[in-house]
């Protein structure tokens, strides 16, 4: 038996806290504190039509790194293992 899904309404800072206000903690999918916004990722250039497979892979990895830095993508399992050493 699981927990029922709760709907949480985020109000502005001027909303008074009442005794019935639920205390919640918001986190990102990778367990970091939710800051209420997304950090824009660094721009990544388009890949040229004449690019080699290695250039495409490098550019793709740059894109993944930008998405992780912006908090839009969790750390990969491979990176988690290498940082655990």
N, C-alpha and C. Protein backbone atom coordinates (compact mmCIF):
# COMPACT_ATOMS: atom_id res chain seq x y z
N UNK A 1 0.85 -1.17 0.00
CA UNK A 1 0.00 0.00 0.00
C UNK A 1 0.90 1.24 0.00
N UNK A 2 0.69 2.11 -0.96
CA UNK A 2 1.51 3.32 -1.08
C UNK A 2 0.85 4.52 -0.43
N UNK A 3 1.57 5.58 -0.44
CA UNK A 3 1.03 6.82 0.10
C UNK A 3 0.17 7.51 -0.94
N UNK A 4 -0.89 8.20 -0.52
CA UNK A 4 -1.70 8.92 -1.50
C UNK A 4 -0.91 10.10 -2.07
N UNK A 5 -1.19 10.43 -3.31
CA UNK A 5 -0.53 11.57 -3.96
C UNK A 5 -1.08 12.85 -3.35
N UNK A 6 -0.18 13.76 -3.00
CA UNK A 6 -0.58 15.03 -2.43
C UNK A 6 -0.35 16.14 -3.45
N UNK A 7 -1.25 17.08 -3.50
CA UNK A 7 -1.09 18.25 -4.34
C UNK A 7 -0.58 19.38 -3.46
N UNK A 8 0.57 19.93 -3.80
CA UNK A 8 1.15 21.02 -3.04
C UNK A 8 1.03 22.31 -3.84
N UNK A 9 0.56 23.34 -3.20
CA UNK A 9 0.41 24.65 -3.85
C UNK A 9 1.50 25.56 -3.30
N UNK A 10 2.33 26.11 -4.19
CA UNK A 10 3.40 27.00 -3.77
C UNK A 10 2.87 28.43 -3.87
N UNK A 11 2.79 29.09 -2.72
CA UNK A 11 2.32 30.47 -2.67
C UNK A 11 3.51 31.41 -2.61
N UNK A 12 3.23 32.68 -2.90
CA UNK A 12 4.27 33.70 -2.81
C UNK A 12 4.71 33.92 -1.38
N UNK A 13 5.80 34.65 -1.20
CA UNK A 13 6.36 34.88 0.12
C UNK A 13 5.50 35.72 1.03
N UNK A 14 4.49 36.40 0.49
CA UNK A 14 3.64 37.25 1.31
C UNK A 14 2.44 36.51 1.90
N UNK A 15 2.32 35.20 1.63
CA UNK A 15 1.22 34.40 2.15
C UNK A 15 1.54 33.99 3.59
N UNK A 16 0.63 34.29 4.53
CA UNK A 16 0.91 33.94 5.93
C UNK A 16 0.92 32.43 6.16
N UNK A 17 1.77 31.99 7.06
CA UNK A 17 1.84 30.57 7.44
C UNK A 17 0.84 30.36 8.56
N UNK A 18 0.03 29.32 8.42
CA UNK A 18 -0.99 29.01 9.43
C UNK A 18 -0.58 27.73 10.16
N UNK A 19 -1.20 27.45 11.30
CA UNK A 19 -0.87 26.21 12.02
C UNK A 19 -1.15 24.95 11.19
N UNK A 20 -2.04 25.06 10.21
CA UNK A 20 -2.37 23.89 9.38
C UNK A 20 -1.48 23.78 8.14
N UNK A 21 -0.53 24.70 7.98
CA UNK A 21 0.36 24.64 6.81
C UNK A 21 1.24 23.40 6.89
N UNK A 22 1.28 22.68 5.78
CA UNK A 22 2.11 21.46 5.74
C UNK A 22 3.57 21.84 5.58
N UNK A 23 4.43 21.18 6.33
CA UNK A 23 5.87 21.38 6.19
C UNK A 23 6.37 20.39 5.15
N UNK A 24 6.90 20.89 4.05
CA UNK A 24 7.39 20.03 2.97
C UNK A 24 8.80 20.45 2.59
N UNK A 25 9.51 19.55 1.97
CA UNK A 25 10.84 19.83 1.46
C UNK A 25 10.84 19.43 -0.01
N UNK A 26 11.22 20.35 -0.88
CA UNK A 26 11.26 20.06 -2.31
C UNK A 26 12.70 19.76 -2.71
N UNK A 27 12.88 18.68 -3.48
CA UNK A 27 14.20 18.32 -3.97
C UNK A 27 14.12 18.03 -5.46
N UNK A 28 15.26 18.07 -6.12
CA UNK A 28 15.34 17.75 -7.54
C UNK A 28 15.41 16.23 -7.68
N UNK A 29 15.26 15.71 -8.91
CA UNK A 29 15.30 14.25 -9.08
C UNK A 29 16.60 13.60 -8.60
N UNK A 30 17.70 14.35 -8.58
CA UNK A 30 18.97 13.77 -8.11
C UNK A 30 19.22 14.02 -6.63
N UNK A 31 18.20 14.49 -5.89
CA UNK A 31 18.29 14.63 -4.45
C UNK A 31 18.82 15.95 -3.94
N UNK A 32 19.13 16.88 -4.84
CA UNK A 32 19.64 18.18 -4.41
C UNK A 32 18.47 19.10 -4.05
N UNK A 33 18.76 20.14 -3.28
CA UNK A 33 17.70 21.07 -2.87
C UNK A 33 17.12 21.80 -4.08
N UNK A 34 15.79 21.86 -4.14
CA UNK A 34 15.10 22.58 -5.21
C UNK A 34 15.17 24.06 -4.90
N UNK A 35 15.66 24.84 -5.85
CA UNK A 35 15.85 26.27 -5.62
C UNK A 35 14.73 27.12 -6.22
N UNK A 36 13.78 26.50 -6.86
CA UNK A 36 12.65 27.25 -7.40
C UNK A 36 12.85 27.74 -8.82
N UNK A 37 13.96 27.44 -9.40
CA UNK A 37 14.22 27.87 -10.77
C UNK A 37 15.23 26.96 -11.44
N UNK A 38 15.48 27.27 -12.67
CA UNK A 38 16.44 26.49 -13.45
C UNK A 38 17.55 27.42 -13.90
N UNK A 39 18.79 27.00 -13.72
CA UNK A 39 19.92 27.77 -14.19
C UNK A 39 20.07 27.53 -15.69
N UNK A 40 20.08 28.59 -16.49
CA UNK A 40 20.22 28.38 -17.93
C UNK A 40 21.54 27.68 -18.27
N UNK A 41 21.48 26.75 -19.18
CA UNK A 41 22.68 26.03 -19.61
C UNK A 41 23.49 26.88 -20.58
N UNK A 42 24.77 26.60 -20.64
CA UNK A 42 25.62 27.26 -21.62
C UNK A 42 25.18 26.83 -23.01
N UNK A 43 25.24 27.74 -23.99
CA UNK A 43 24.84 27.35 -25.34
C UNK A 43 25.80 26.31 -25.93
N UNK A 44 25.25 25.42 -26.70
CA UNK A 44 26.04 24.39 -27.38
C UNK A 44 25.81 24.57 -28.87
N UNK A 45 26.91 24.65 -29.62
CA UNK A 45 26.81 24.87 -31.06
C UNK A 45 26.20 23.66 -31.76
N UNK A 46 25.56 23.94 -32.91
CA UNK A 46 25.04 22.86 -33.73
C UNK A 46 26.20 22.05 -34.31
N UNK A 47 25.95 20.78 -34.59
CA UNK A 47 26.95 19.92 -35.20
C UNK A 47 26.86 20.07 -36.71
N UNK A 48 28.00 20.25 -37.35
CA UNK A 48 28.02 20.38 -38.81
C UNK A 48 27.60 19.07 -39.47
N UNK A 49 27.01 19.17 -40.64
CA UNK A 49 26.57 17.99 -41.36
C UNK A 49 27.75 17.09 -41.75
N UNK A 50 28.94 17.67 -41.81
CA UNK A 50 30.13 16.90 -42.20
C UNK A 50 30.91 16.38 -40.99
N UNK A 51 30.34 16.48 -39.80
CA UNK A 51 31.03 16.08 -38.56
C UNK A 51 31.27 14.57 -38.53
N UNK A 52 32.38 14.20 -37.90
CA UNK A 52 32.69 12.78 -37.73
C UNK A 52 31.90 12.23 -36.54
N UNK A 53 31.88 10.92 -36.41
CA UNK A 53 31.17 10.29 -35.28
C UNK A 53 31.77 10.76 -33.96
N UNK A 54 33.10 10.90 -33.91
CA UNK A 54 33.76 11.35 -32.68
C UNK A 54 33.34 12.78 -32.33
N UNK A 55 33.23 13.65 -33.34
CA UNK A 55 32.80 15.04 -33.10
C UNK A 55 31.34 15.08 -32.61
N UNK A 56 30.50 14.23 -33.18
CA UNK A 56 29.10 14.17 -32.75
C UNK A 56 29.02 13.70 -31.31
N UNK A 57 29.78 12.67 -30.97
CA UNK A 57 29.78 12.14 -29.59
C UNK A 57 30.28 13.20 -28.61
N UNK A 58 31.34 13.92 -28.96
CA UNK A 58 31.86 14.98 -28.10
C UNK A 58 30.83 16.07 -27.88
N UNK A 59 30.16 16.47 -28.96
CA UNK A 59 29.15 17.53 -28.86
C UNK A 59 27.97 17.07 -28.02
N UNK A 60 27.58 15.81 -28.19
CA UNK A 60 26.48 15.25 -27.40
C UNK A 60 26.84 15.24 -25.92
N UNK A 61 28.08 14.85 -25.60
CA UNK A 61 28.52 14.85 -24.21
C UNK A 61 28.54 16.26 -23.63
N UNK A 62 28.89 17.26 -24.45
CA UNK A 62 28.84 18.66 -24.00
C UNK A 62 27.40 19.06 -23.68
N UNK A 63 26.47 18.62 -24.51
CA UNK A 63 25.06 18.92 -24.29
C UNK A 63 24.58 18.29 -22.98
N UNK A 64 24.93 17.03 -22.75
CA UNK A 64 24.55 16.36 -21.51
C UNK A 64 25.13 17.09 -20.30
N UNK A 65 26.39 17.51 -20.38
CA UNK A 65 27.02 18.23 -19.28
C UNK A 65 26.30 19.55 -19.01
N UNK A 66 25.87 20.24 -20.07
CA UNK A 66 25.13 21.50 -19.90
C UNK A 66 23.79 21.26 -19.22
N UNK A 67 23.11 20.20 -19.61
CA UNK A 67 21.81 19.89 -18.99
C UNK A 67 21.98 19.51 -17.52
N UNK A 68 23.05 18.78 -17.19
CA UNK A 68 23.32 18.43 -15.79
C UNK A 68 23.65 19.68 -14.97
N UNK A 69 24.47 20.57 -15.55
CA UNK A 69 24.85 21.79 -14.85
C UNK A 69 23.64 22.68 -14.60
N UNK A 70 22.65 22.63 -15.49
CA UNK A 70 21.45 23.43 -15.33
C UNK A 70 20.44 22.78 -14.39
N UNK A 71 20.72 21.56 -13.95
CA UNK A 71 19.80 20.88 -13.05
C UNK A 71 18.64 20.21 -13.75
N UNK A 72 18.74 20.05 -15.06
CA UNK A 72 17.66 19.43 -15.82
C UNK A 72 17.86 17.94 -16.04
N UNK A 73 19.05 17.45 -15.71
CA UNK A 73 19.35 16.04 -15.92
C UNK A 73 20.19 15.56 -14.75
N UNK A 74 19.82 14.42 -14.20
CA UNK A 74 20.56 13.87 -13.08
C UNK A 74 21.92 13.36 -13.54
N UNK A 75 22.83 13.23 -12.60
CA UNK A 75 24.16 12.70 -12.87
C UNK A 75 24.04 11.27 -13.39
N UNK A 76 24.91 10.90 -14.32
CA UNK A 76 24.85 9.55 -14.86
C UNK A 76 25.38 8.54 -13.85
N UNK A 77 24.99 7.29 -13.99
CA UNK A 77 25.44 6.23 -13.09
C UNK A 77 26.95 6.07 -13.17
N UNK A 78 27.52 6.22 -14.36
CA UNK A 78 28.97 6.10 -14.56
C UNK A 78 29.70 7.19 -13.78
N UNK A 79 29.19 8.43 -13.81
CA UNK A 79 29.81 9.53 -13.07
C UNK A 79 29.67 9.30 -11.57
N UNK A 80 28.55 8.76 -11.13
CA UNK A 80 28.35 8.49 -9.71
C UNK A 80 29.38 7.49 -9.20
N UNK A 81 29.66 6.46 -10.01
CA UNK A 81 30.63 5.46 -9.61
C UNK A 81 32.03 6.04 -9.55
N UNK A 82 32.39 6.93 -10.50
CA UNK A 82 33.74 7.48 -10.53
C UNK A 82 33.96 8.48 -9.40
N UNK A 83 32.91 9.17 -8.93
CA UNK A 83 33.06 10.12 -7.83
C UNK A 83 33.01 9.43 -6.48
N UNK A 84 32.57 8.17 -6.44
CA UNK A 84 32.48 7.45 -5.17
C UNK A 84 33.83 6.93 -4.73
N UNK A 85 34.81 6.87 -5.64
CA UNK A 85 36.16 6.36 -5.28
C UNK A 85 36.90 7.29 -4.38
